[in-house]
Amino acid sequence: MNTVMANRRQDDEDRAERRADYTDQRAIELMEPGEDCDPCDGYHLAEALDESSAKEKTIFGQLIRDGKYAEAGIFLRGISHAYWAAKANEQAQEETA
């Protein structure tokens, strides 16, 4: 009986691990160019900036005012990547539920 229970537990753990791997892979796919959570899409950049914190908006605005456009672009891509990574993870989890 203990062997059967151990095998079931192992099967459950294996299934959970495969689901987690699939969810992680799907989240990565969702962030590819042209996909639902592409962090470099213009509309997605705007949404990420809109949803960012007041502090992030202030830093971004200061970079623009100072004429540091390259730094502002890098900063905006970082904001967008973090925002869309979280969105991709949520969507992947919903798909695998």
PDB file of N, CA and C in Angstrom:
ATOM      1  N   MET A   1       0.822  -1.187   0.000  1.00  0.00           N
ATOM      2  CA  MET A   1       0.000   0.000   0.000  1.00  0.00           C
ATOM      3  C   MET A   1       0.869   1.256   0.000  1.00  0.00           C
ATOM      4  N   ASN A   2       1.926   1.263   0.779  1.00  0.00           N
ATOM      5  CA  ASN A   2       2.811   2.420   0.839  1.00  0.00           C
ATOM      6  C   ASN A   2       3.489   2.682  -0.497  1.00  0.00           C
ATOM      7  N   THR A   3       3.826   1.611  -1.221  1.00  0.00           N
ATOM      8  CA  THR A   3       4.446   1.764  -2.527  1.00  0.00           C
ATOM      9  C   THR A   3       3.482   2.417  -3.503  1.00  0.00           C
ATOM     10  N   VAL A   4       2.221   2.027  -3.459  1.00  0.00           N
ATOM     11  CA  VAL A   4       1.207   2.616  -4.331  1.00  0.00           C
ATOM     12  C   VAL A   4       1.043   4.104  -4.029  1.00  0.00           C
ATOM     13  N   MET A   5       0.984   4.435  -2.764  1.00  0.00           N
ATOM     14  CA  MET A   5       0.837   5.842  -2.370  1.00  0.00           C
ATOM     15  C   MET A   5       2.060   6.654  -2.773  1.00  0.00           C
ATOM     16  N   ALA A   6       3.236   6.060  -2.616  1.00  0.00           N
ATOM     17  CA  ALA A   6       4.468   6.754  -3.006  1.00  0.00           C
ATOM     18  C   ALA A   6       4.496   6.979  -4.512  1.00  0.00           C
ATOM     19  N   ASN A   7       4.059   5.975  -5.268  1.00  0.00           N
ATOM     20  CA  ASN A   7       4.013   6.128  -6.728  1.00  0.00           C
ATOM     21  C   ASN A   7       3.026   7.206  -7.138  1.00  0.00           C
ATOM     22  N   ARG A   8       1.877   7.265  -6.488  1.00  0.00           N
ATOM     23  CA  ARG A   8       0.890   8.309  -6.792  1.00  0.00           C
ATOM     24  C   ARG A   8       1.443   9.687  -6.464  1.00  0.00           C
ATOM     25  N   ARG A   9       2.086   9.776  -5.328  1.00  0.00           N
ATOM     26  CA  ARG A   9       2.675  11.056  -4.933  1.00  0.00           C
ATOM     27  C   ARG A   9       3.725  11.487  -5.953  1.00  0.00           C
ATOM     28  N   GLN A  10       4.551  10.549  -6.383  1.00  0.00           N
ATOM     29  CA  GLN A  10       5.581  10.856  -7.380  1.00  0.00           C
ATOM     30  C   GLN A  10       4.930  11.271  -8.701  1.00  0.00           C
ATOM     31  N   ASP A  11       3.870  10.576  -9.103  1.00  0.00           N
ATOM     32  CA  ASP A  11       3.150  10.939 -10.324  1.00  0.00           C
ATOM     33  C   ASP A  11       2.561  12.342 -10.221  1.00  0.00           C
ATOM     34  N   ASP A  12       2.001  12.669  -9.068  1.00  0.00           N
ATOM     35  CA  ASP A  12       1.443  14.010  -8.852  1.00  0.00           C
ATOM     36  C   ASP A  12       2.532  15.076  -8.926  1.00  0.00           C
ATOM     37  N   GLU A  13       3.667  14.782  -8.315  1.00  0.00           N
ATOM     38  CA  GLU A  13       4.784  15.726  -8.342  1.00  0.00           C
ATOM     39  C   GLU A  13       5.308  15.904  -9.766  1.00  0.00           C
ATOM     40  N   ASP A  14       5.408  14.797 -10.500  1.00  0.00           N
ATOM     41  CA  ASP A  14       5.864  14.863 -11.891  1.00  0.00           C
ATOM     42  C   ASP A  14       4.902  15.685 -12.748  1.00  0.00           C
ATOM     43  N   ARG A  15       3.613  15.471 -12.556  1.00  0.00           N
ATOM     44  CA  ARG A  15       2.594  16.212 -13.297  1.00  0.00           C
ATOM     45  C   ARG A  15       2.669  17.712 -12.986  1.00  0.00           C
ATOM     46  N   ALA A  16       2.828  18.032 -11.715  1.00  0.00           N
ATOM     47  CA  ALA A  16       2.932  19.432 -11.301  1.00  0.00           C
ATOM     48  C   ALA A  16       4.185  20.086 -11.882  1.00  0.00           C
ATOM     49  N   GLU A  17       5.269  19.335 -11.917  1.00  0.00           N
ATOM     50  CA  GLU A  17       6.507  19.860 -12.484  1.00  0.00           C
ATOM     51  C   GLU A  17       6.373  20.097 -13.989  1.00  0.00           C
ATOM     52  N   ARG A  18       5.727  19.169 -14.689  1.00  0.00           N
ATOM     53  CA  ARG A  18       5.509  19.347 -16.139  1.00  0.00           C
ATOM     54  C   ARG A  18       4.618  20.550 -16.408  1.00  0.00           C
ATOM     55  N   ARG A  19       3.575  20.715 -15.584  1.00  0.00           N
ATOM     56  CA  ARG A  19       2.678  21.865 -15.748  1.00  0.00           C
ATOM     57  C   ARG A  19       3.445  23.170 -15.506  1.00  0.00           C
ATOM     58  N   ALA A  20       4.286  23.209 -14.484  1.00  0.00           N
ATOM     59  CA  ALA A  20       5.076  24.415 -14.200  1.00  0.00           C
ATOM     60  C   ALA A  20       6.045  24.712 -15.339  1.00  0.00           C
ATOM     61  N   ASP A  21       6.678  23.657 -15.870  1.00  0.00           N
ATOM     62  CA  ASP A  21       7.583  23.845 -17.007  1.00  0.00           C
ATOM     63  C   ASP A  21       6.833  24.377 -18.219  1.00  0.00           C
ATOM     64  N   TYR A  22       5.657  23.823 -18.490  1.00  0.00           N
ATOM     65  CA  TYR A  22       4.855  24.279 -19.616  1.00  0.00           C
ATOM     66  C   TYR A  22       4.421  25.735 -19.413  1.00  0.00           C
ATOM     67  N   THR A  23       4.026  26.081 -18.196  1.00  0.00           N
ATOM     68  CA  THR A  23       3.602  27.447 -17.903  1.00  0.00           C
ATOM     69  C   THR A  23       4.754  28.428 -18.122  1.00  0.00           C
ATOM     70  N   ASP A  24       5.935  28.066 -17.647  1.00  0.00           N
ATOM     71  CA  ASP A  24       7.109  28.915 -17.850  1.00  0.00           C
ATOM     72  C   ASP A  24       7.415  29.077 -19.336  1.00  0.00           C
ATOM     73  N   GLN A  25       7.374  27.981 -20.075  1.00  0.00           N
ATOM     74  CA  GLN A  25       7.655  28.031 -21.515  1.00  0.00           C
ATOM     75  C   GLN A  25       6.610  28.866 -22.244  1.00  0.00           C
ATOM     76  N   ARG A  26       5.351  28.720 -21.871  1.00  0.00           N
ATOM     77  CA  ARG A  26       4.278  29.483 -22.511  1.00  0.00           C
ATOM     78  C   ARG A  26       4.429  30.970 -22.219  1.00  0.00           C
ATOM     79  N   ALA A  27       4.817  31.329 -20.997  1.00  0.00           N
ATOM     80  CA  ALA A  27       5.034  32.735 -20.660  1.00  0.00           C
ATOM     81  C   ALA A  27       6.145  33.329 -21.522  1.00  0.00           C
ATOM     82  N   ILE A  28       7.193  32.566 -21.761  1.00  0.00           N
ATOM     83  CA  ILE A  28       8.283  33.016 -22.632  1.00  0.00           C
ATOM     84  C   ILE A  28       7.771  33.219 -24.051  1.00  0.00           C
ATOM     85  N   GLU A  29       6.975  32.276 -24.547  1.00  0.00           N
ATOM     86  CA  GLU A  29       6.417  32.390 -25.889  1.00  0.00           C
ATOM     87  C   GLU A  29       5.523  33.620 -26.025  1.00  0.00           C
ATOM     88  N   LEU A  30       4.748  33.924 -24.986  1.00  0.00           N
ATOM     89  CA  LEU A  30       3.841  35.069 -25.034  1.00  0.00           C
ATOM     90  C   LEU A  30       4.587  36.402 -25.122  1.00  0.00           C
ATOM     91  N   MET A  31       5.866  36.412 -24.745  1.00  0.00           N
ATOM     92  CA  MET A  31       6.652  37.642 -24.793  1.00  0.00           C
ATOM     93  C   MET A  31       7.457  37.790 -26.077  1.00  0.00           C
ATOM     94  N   GLU A  32       7.320  36.850 -26.992  1.00  0.00           N
ATOM     95  CA  GLU A  32       8.020  36.940 -28.269  1.00  0.00           C
ATOM     96  C   GLU A  32       7.446  38.097 -29.097  1.00  0.00           C
ATOM     97  N   PRO A  33       8.241  38.667 -30.004  1.00  0.00           N
ATOM     98  CA  PRO A  33       7.734  39.749 -30.858  1.00  0.00           C
ATOM     99  C   PRO A  33       6.457  39.342 -31.599  1.00  0.00           C
ATOM    100  N   GLY A  34       5.463  40.216 -31.531  1.00  0.00           N
ATOM    101  CA  GLY A  34       4.194  39.975 -32.201  1.00  0.00           C
ATOM    102  C   GLY A  34       3.191  39.185 -31.389  1.00  0.00           C
ATOM    103  N   GLU A  35       3.584  38.676 -30.247  1.00  0.00           N
ATOM    104  CA  GLU A  35       2.673  37.892 -29.409  1.00  0.00           C
ATOM    105  C   GLU A  35       1.891  38.813 -28.471  1.00  0.00           C
ATOM    106  N   ASP A  36       0.991  38.223 -27.698  1.00  0.00           N
ATOM    107  CA  ASP A  36       0.094  38.975 -26.815  1.00  0.00           C
ATOM    108  C   ASP A  36       0.811  39.854 -25.797  1.00  0.00           C
ATOM    109  N   CYS A  37       1.960  39.442 -25.334  1.00  0.00           N
ATOM    110  CA  CYS A  37       2.657  40.178 -24.281  1.00  0.00           C
ATOM    111  C   CYS A  37       4.033  40.677 -24.734  1.00  0.00           C
ATOM    112  N   ASP A  38       4.163  41.010 -26.001  1.00  0.00           N
ATOM    113  CA  ASP A  38       5.407  41.535 -26.557  1.00  0.00           C
ATOM    114  C   ASP A  38       5.740  42.855 -25.859  1.00  0.00           C
ATOM    115  N   PRO A  39       6.814  42.905 -25.058  1.00  0.00           N
ATOM    116  CA  PRO A  39       7.096  44.111 -24.294  1.00  0.00           C
ATOM    117  C   PRO A  39       7.605  45.278 -25.140  1.00  0.00           C
ATOM    118  N   CYS A  40       7.971  45.038 -26.393  1.00  0.00           N
ATOM    119  CA  CYS A  40       8.506  46.100 -27.246  1.00  0.00           C
ATOM    120  C   CYS A  40       7.476  46.674 -28.208  1.00  0.00           C
ATOM    121  N   ASP A  41       6.263  46.159 -28.201  1.00  0.00           N
ATOM    122  CA  ASP A  41       5.189  46.711 -29.017  1.00  0.00           C
ATOM    123  C   ASP A  41       4.873  48.117 -28.514  1.00  0.00           C
ATOM    124  N   GLY A  42       4.643  49.050 -29.421  1.00  0.00           N
ATOM    125  CA  GLY A  42       4.406  50.435 -29.032  1.00  0.00           C
ATOM    126  C   GLY A  42       3.253  50.609 -28.069  1.00  0.00           C
ATOM    127  N   TYR A  43       2.141  49.935 -28.351  1.00  0.00           N
ATOM    128  CA  TYR A  43       0.985  50.034 -27.448  1.00  0.00           C
ATOM    129  C   TYR A  43       1.289  49.421 -26.083  1.00  0.00           C
ATOM    130  N   HIS A  44       2.080  48.361 -26.099  1.00  0.00           N
ATOM    131  CA  HIS A  44       2.442  47.702 -24.840  1.00  0.00           C
ATOM    132  C   HIS A  44       3.394  48.564 -24.023  1.00  0.00           C
ATOM    133  N   LEU A  45       4.308  49.278 -24.710  1.00  0.00           N
ATOM    134  CA  LEU A  45       5.184  50.204 -23.998  1.00  0.00           C
ATOM    135  C   LEU A  45       4.359  51.284 -23.298  1.00  0.00           C
ATOM    136  N   ALA A  46       3.377  51.818 -24.037  1.00  0.00           N
ATOM    137  CA  ALA A  46       2.521  52.867 -23.478  1.00  0.00           C
ATOM    138  C   ALA A  46       1.717  52.348 -22.289  1.00  0.00           C
ATOM    139  N   GLU A  47       1.180  51.138 -22.413  1.00  0.00           N
ATOM    140  CA  GLU A  47       0.403  50.569 -21.310  1.00  0.00           C
ATOM    141  C   GLU A  47       1.284  50.338 -20.085  1.00  0.00           C
ATOM    142  N   ALA A  48       2.489  49.828 -20.306  1.00  0.00           N
ATOM    143  CA  ALA A  48       3.395  49.578 -19.191  1.00  0.00           C
ATOM    144  C   ALA A  48       3.759  50.882 -18.493  1.00  0.00           C
ATOM    145  N   LEU A  49       4.013  51.934 -19.259  1.00  0.00           N
ATOM    146  CA  LEU A  49       4.330  53.222 -18.657  1.00  0.00           C
ATOM    147  C   LEU A  49       3.127  53.769 -17.902  1.00  0.00           C
ATOM    148  N   ASP A  50       1.952  53.615 -18.483  1.00  0.00           N
ATOM    149  CA  ASP A  50       0.731  54.085 -17.836  1.00  0.00           C
ATOM    150  C   ASP A  50       0.499  53.368 -16.502  1.00  0.00           C
ATOM    151  N   GLU A  51       0.811  52.092 -16.437  1.00  0.00           N
ATOM    152  CA  GLU A  51       0.597  51.292 -15.230  1.00  0.00           C
ATOM    153  C   GLU A  51       1.768  51.360 -14.249  1.00  0.00           C
ATOM    154  N   SER A  52       2.854  52.039 -14.635  1.00  0.00           N
ATOM    155  CA  SER A  52       4.025  52.100 -13.755  1.00  0.00           C
ATOM    156  C   SER A  52       3.762  53.008 -12.561  1.00  0.00           C
ATOM    157  N   SER A  53       4.646  52.934 -11.613  1.00  0.00           N
ATOM    158  CA  SER A  53       4.499  53.725 -10.382  1.00  0.00           C
ATOM    159  C   SER A  53       4.798  55.200 -10.659  1.00  0.00           C
ATOM    160  N   ALA A  54       4.369  56.038  -9.762  1.00  0.00           N
ATOM    161  CA  ALA A  54       4.633  57.474  -9.883  1.00  0.00           C
ATOM    162  C   ALA A  54       6.140  57.746  -9.881  1.00  0.00           C
ATOM    163  N   LYS A  55       6.876  56.992  -9.099  1.00  0.00           N
ATOM    164  CA  LYS A  55       8.328  57.176  -9.034  1.00  0.00           C
ATOM    165  C   LYS A  55       8.969  56.835 -10.378  1.00  0.00           C
ATOM    166  N   GLU A  56       8.524  55.744 -10.991  1.00  0.00           N
ATOM    167  CA  GLU A  56       9.065  55.359 -12.297  1.00  0.00           C
ATOM    168  C   GLU A  56       8.731  56.406 -13.355  1.00  0.00           C
ATOM    169  N   LYS A  57       7.520  56.932 -13.307  1.00  0.00           N
ATOM    170  CA  LYS A  57       7.127  57.979 -14.261  1.00  0.00           C
ATOM    171  C   LYS A  57       7.975  59.230 -14.059  1.00  0.00           C
ATOM    172  N   THR A  58       8.247  59.578 -12.819  1.00  0.00           N
ATOM    173  CA  THR A  58       9.066  60.748 -12.526  1.00  0.00           C
ATOM    174  C   THR A  58      10.486  60.574 -13.056  1.00  0.00           C
ATOM    175  N   ILE A  59      11.056  59.409 -12.831  1.00  0.00           N
ATOM    176  CA  ILE A  59      12.412  59.128 -13.319  1.00  0.00           C
ATOM    177  C   ILE A  59      12.437  59.187 -14.841  1.00  0.00           C
ATOM    178  N   PHE A  60      11.452  58.570 -15.479  1.00  0.00           N
ATOM    179  CA  PHE A  60      11.382  58.581 -16.943  1.00  0.00           C
ATOM    180  C   PHE A  60      11.268  60.022 -17.456  1.00  0.00           C
ATOM    181  N   GLY A  61      10.385  60.800 -16.853  1.00  0.00           N
ATOM    182  CA  GLY A  61      10.220  62.194 -17.261  1.00  0.00           C
ATOM    183  C   GLY A  61      11.485  63.001 -17.078  1.00  0.00           C
ATOM    184  N   GLN A  62      12.191  62.769 -15.991  1.00  0.00           N
ATOM    185  CA  GLN A  62      13.445  63.489 -15.738  1.00  0.00           C
ATOM    186  C   GLN A  62      14.492  63.133 -16.781  1.00  0.00           C
ATOM    187  N   LEU A  63      14.566  61.880 -17.156  1.00  0.00           N
ATOM    188  CA  LEU A  63      15.511  61.467 -18.201  1.00  0.00           C
ATOM    189  C   LEU A  63      15.192  62.175 -19.522  1.00  0.00           C
ATOM    190  N   ILE A  64      13.928  62.278 -19.846  1.00  0.00           N
ATOM    191  CA  ILE A  64      13.520  62.964 -21.080  1.00  0.00           C
ATOM    192  C   ILE A  64      13.870  64.454 -20.978  1.00  0.00           C
ATOM    193  N   ARG A  65      13.529  65.089 -19.874  1.00  0.00           N
ATOM    194  CA  ARG A  65      13.819  66.518 -19.695  1.00  0.00           C
ATOM    195  C   ARG A  65      15.315  66.805 -19.785  1.00  0.00           C
ATOM    196  N   ASP A  66      16.123  65.867 -19.302  1.00  0.00           N
ATOM    197  CA  ASP A  66      17.580  66.042 -19.334  1.00  0.00           C
ATOM    198  C   ASP A  66      18.183  65.700 -20.689  1.00  0.00           C
ATOM    199  N   GLY A  67      17.338  65.279 -21.632  1.00  0.00           N
ATOM    200  CA  GLY A  67      17.835  64.928 -22.968  1.00  0.00           C
ATOM    201  C   GLY A  67      18.554  63.594 -23.022  1.00  0.00           C
ATOM    202  N   LYS A  68      18.366  62.771 -22.027  1.00  0.00           N
ATOM    203  CA  LYS A  68      19.010  61.453 -21.983  1.00  0.00           C
ATOM    204  C   LYS A  68      18.066  60.425 -22.599  1.00  0.00           C
ATOM    205  N   TYR A  69      17.900  60.542 -23.910  1.00  0.00           N
ATOM    206  CA  TYR A  69      16.895  59.731 -24.604  1.00  0.00           C
ATOM    207  C   TYR A  69      17.254  58.247 -24.647  1.00  0.00           C
ATOM    208  N   ALA A  70      18.536  57.947 -24.808  1.00  0.00           N
ATOM    209  CA  ALA A  70      18.945  56.535 -24.823  1.00  0.00           C
ATOM    210  C   ALA A  70      18.672  55.890 -23.472  1.00  0.00           C
ATOM    211  N   GLU A  71      19.019  56.592 -22.409  1.00  0.00           N
ATOM    212  CA  GLU A  71      18.780  56.069 -21.057  1.00  0.00           C
ATOM    213  C   GLU A  71      17.286  55.936 -20.790  1.00  0.00           C
ATOM    214  N   ALA A  72      16.519  56.918 -21.268  1.00  0.00           N
ATOM    215  CA  ALA A  72      15.064  56.855 -21.097  1.00  0.00           C
ATOM    216  C   ALA A  72      14.487  55.640 -21.823  1.00  0.00           C
ATOM    217  N   GLY A  73      14.996  55.362 -23.010  1.00  0.00           N
ATOM    218  CA  GLY A  73      14.535  54.198 -23.764  1.00  0.00           C
ATOM    219  C   GLY A  73      14.849  52.892 -23.059  1.00  0.00           C
ATOM    220  N   ILE A  74      16.043  52.803 -22.517  1.00  0.00           N
ATOM    221  CA  ILE A  74      16.435  51.600 -21.772  1.00  0.00           C
ATOM    222  C   ILE A  74      15.571  51.449 -20.526  1.00  0.00           C
ATOM    223  N   PHE A  75      15.338  52.566 -19.831  1.00  0.00           N
ATOM    224  CA  PHE A  75      14.511  52.541 -18.634  1.00  0.00           C
ATOM    225  C   PHE A  75      13.088  52.106 -18.968  1.00  0.00           C
ATOM    226  N   LEU A  76      12.536  52.656 -20.055  1.00  0.00           N
ATOM    227  CA  LEU A  76      11.176  52.302 -20.472  1.00  0.00           C
ATOM    228  C   LEU A  76      11.086  50.821 -20.862  1.00  0.00           C
ATOM    229  N   ARG A  77      12.092  50.321 -21.559  1.00  0.00           N
ATOM    230  CA  ARG A  77      12.086  48.897 -21.916  1.00  0.00           C
ATOM    231  C   ARG A  77      12.127  48.023 -20.669  1.00  0.00           C
ATOM    232  N   GLY A  78      12.864  48.451 -19.659  1.00  0.00           N
ATOM    233  CA  GLY A  78      12.910  47.700 -18.396  1.00  0.00           C
ATOM    234  C   GLY A  78      11.557  47.671 -17.708  1.00  0.00           C
ATOM    235  N   ILE A  79      10.890  48.826 -17.673  1.00  0.00           N
ATOM    236  CA  ILE A  79       9.544  48.898 -17.084  1.00  0.00           C
ATOM    237  C   ILE A  79       8.603  47.976 -17.851  1.00  0.00           C
ATOM    238  N   SER A  80       8.663  48.073 -19.180  1.00  0.00           N
ATOM    239  CA  SER A  80       7.762  47.289 -20.025  1.00  0.00           C
ATOM    240  C   SER A  80       8.029  45.791 -19.876  1.00  0.00           C
ATOM    241  N   HIS A  81       9.301  45.418 -19.844  1.00  0.00           N
ATOM    242  CA  HIS A  81       9.631  43.996 -19.730  1.00  0.00           C
ATOM    243  C   HIS A  81       9.110  43.420 -18.419  1.00  0.00           C
ATOM    244  N   ALA A  82       9.306  44.143 -17.326  1.00  0.00           N
ATOM    245  CA  ALA A  82       8.826  43.655 -16.026  1.00  0.00           C
ATOM    246  C   ALA A  82       7.299  43.547 -16.012  1.00  0.00           C
ATOM    247  N   TYR A  83       6.628  44.571 -16.544  1.00  0.00           N
ATOM    248  CA  TYR A  83       5.167  44.580 -16.557  1.00  0.00           C
ATOM    249  C   TYR A  83       4.620  43.442 -17.408  1.00  0.00           C
ATOM    250  N   TRP A  84       5.164  43.277 -18.609  1.00  0.00           N
ATOM    251  CA  TRP A  84       4.638  42.260 -19.516  1.00  0.00           C
ATOM    252  C   TRP A  84       5.070  40.847 -19.131  1.00  0.00           C
ATOM    253  N   ALA A  85       6.179  40.706 -18.418  1.00  0.00           N
ATOM    254  CA  ALA A  85       6.559  39.383 -17.902  1.00  0.00           C
ATOM    255  C   ALA A  85       5.525  38.911 -16.885  1.00  0.00           C
ATOM    256  N   ALA A  86       5.084  39.826 -16.035  1.00  0.00           N
ATOM    257  CA  ALA A  86       4.054  39.468 -15.049  1.00  0.00           C
ATOM    258  C   ALA A  86       2.742  39.130 -15.753  1.00  0.00           C
ATOM    259  N   LYS A  87       2.387  39.916 -16.780  1.00  0.00           N
ATOM    260  CA  LYS A  87       1.154  39.650 -17.534  1.00  0.00           C
ATOM    261  C   LYS A  87       1.240  38.307 -18.262  1.00  0.00           C
ATOM    262  N   ALA A  88       2.381  38.019 -18.863  1.00  0.00           N
ATOM    263  CA  ALA A  88       2.562  36.756 -19.577  1.00  0.00           C
ATOM    264  C   ALA A  88       2.455  35.580 -18.621  1.00  0.00           C
ATOM    265  N   ASN A  89       3.023  35.723 -17.437  1.00  0.00           N
ATOM    266  CA  ASN A  89       2.945  34.662 -16.439  1.00  0.00           C
ATOM    267  C   ASN A  89       1.501  34.428 -16.009  1.00  0.00           C
ATOM    268  N   GLU A  90       0.751  35.511 -15.776  1.00  0.00           N
ATOM    269  CA  GLU A  90      -0.666  35.374 -15.414  1.00  0.00           C
ATOM    270  C   GLU A  90      -1.449  34.673 -16.513  1.00  0.00           C
ATOM    271  N   GLN A  91      -1.222  35.094 -17.764  1.00  0.00           N
ATOM    272  CA  GLN A  91      -1.960  34.500 -18.879  1.00  0.00           C
ATOM    273  C   GLN A  91      -1.590  33.029 -19.056  1.00  0.00           C
ATOM    274  N   ALA A  92      -0.328  32.698 -18.916  1.00  0.00           N
ATOM    275  CA  ALA A  92       0.106  31.306 -19.048  1.00  0.00           C
ATOM    276  C   ALA A  92      -0.501  30.450 -17.946  1.00  0.00           C
ATOM    277  N   GLN A  93      -0.585  30.987 -16.738  1.00  0.00           N
ATOM    278  CA  GLN A  93      -1.186  30.233 -15.636  1.00  0.00           C
ATOM    279  C   GLN A  93      -2.679  30.010 -15.891  1.00  0.00           C
ATOM    280  N   GLU A  94      -3.360  31.010 -16.436  1.00  0.00           N
ATOM    281  CA  GLU A  94      -4.779  30.862 -16.766  1.00  0.00           C
ATOM    282  C   GLU A  94      -4.983  29.797 -17.842  1.00  0.00           C
ATOM    283  N   GLU A  95      -4.095  29.783 -18.837  1.00  0.00           N
ATOM    284  CA  GLU A  95      -4.208  28.803 -19.919  1.00  0.00           C
ATOM    285  C   GLU A  95      -3.992  27.387 -19.440  1.00  0.00           C
ATOM    286  N   THR A  96      -3.135  27.219 -18.433  1.00  0.00           N
ATOM    287  CA  THR A  96      -2.814  25.861 -17.976  1.00  0.00           C
ATOM    288  C   THR A  96      -3.695  25.408 -16.812  1.00  0.00           C
ATOM    289  N   ALA A  97      -4.540  26.277 -16.345  1.00  0.00           N
ATOM    290  CA  ALA A  97      -5.412  25.906 -15.208  1.00  0.00           C
ATOM    291  C   ALA A  97      -6.491  24.942 -15.626  1.00  0.00           C
TER     292      ALA A  97
END
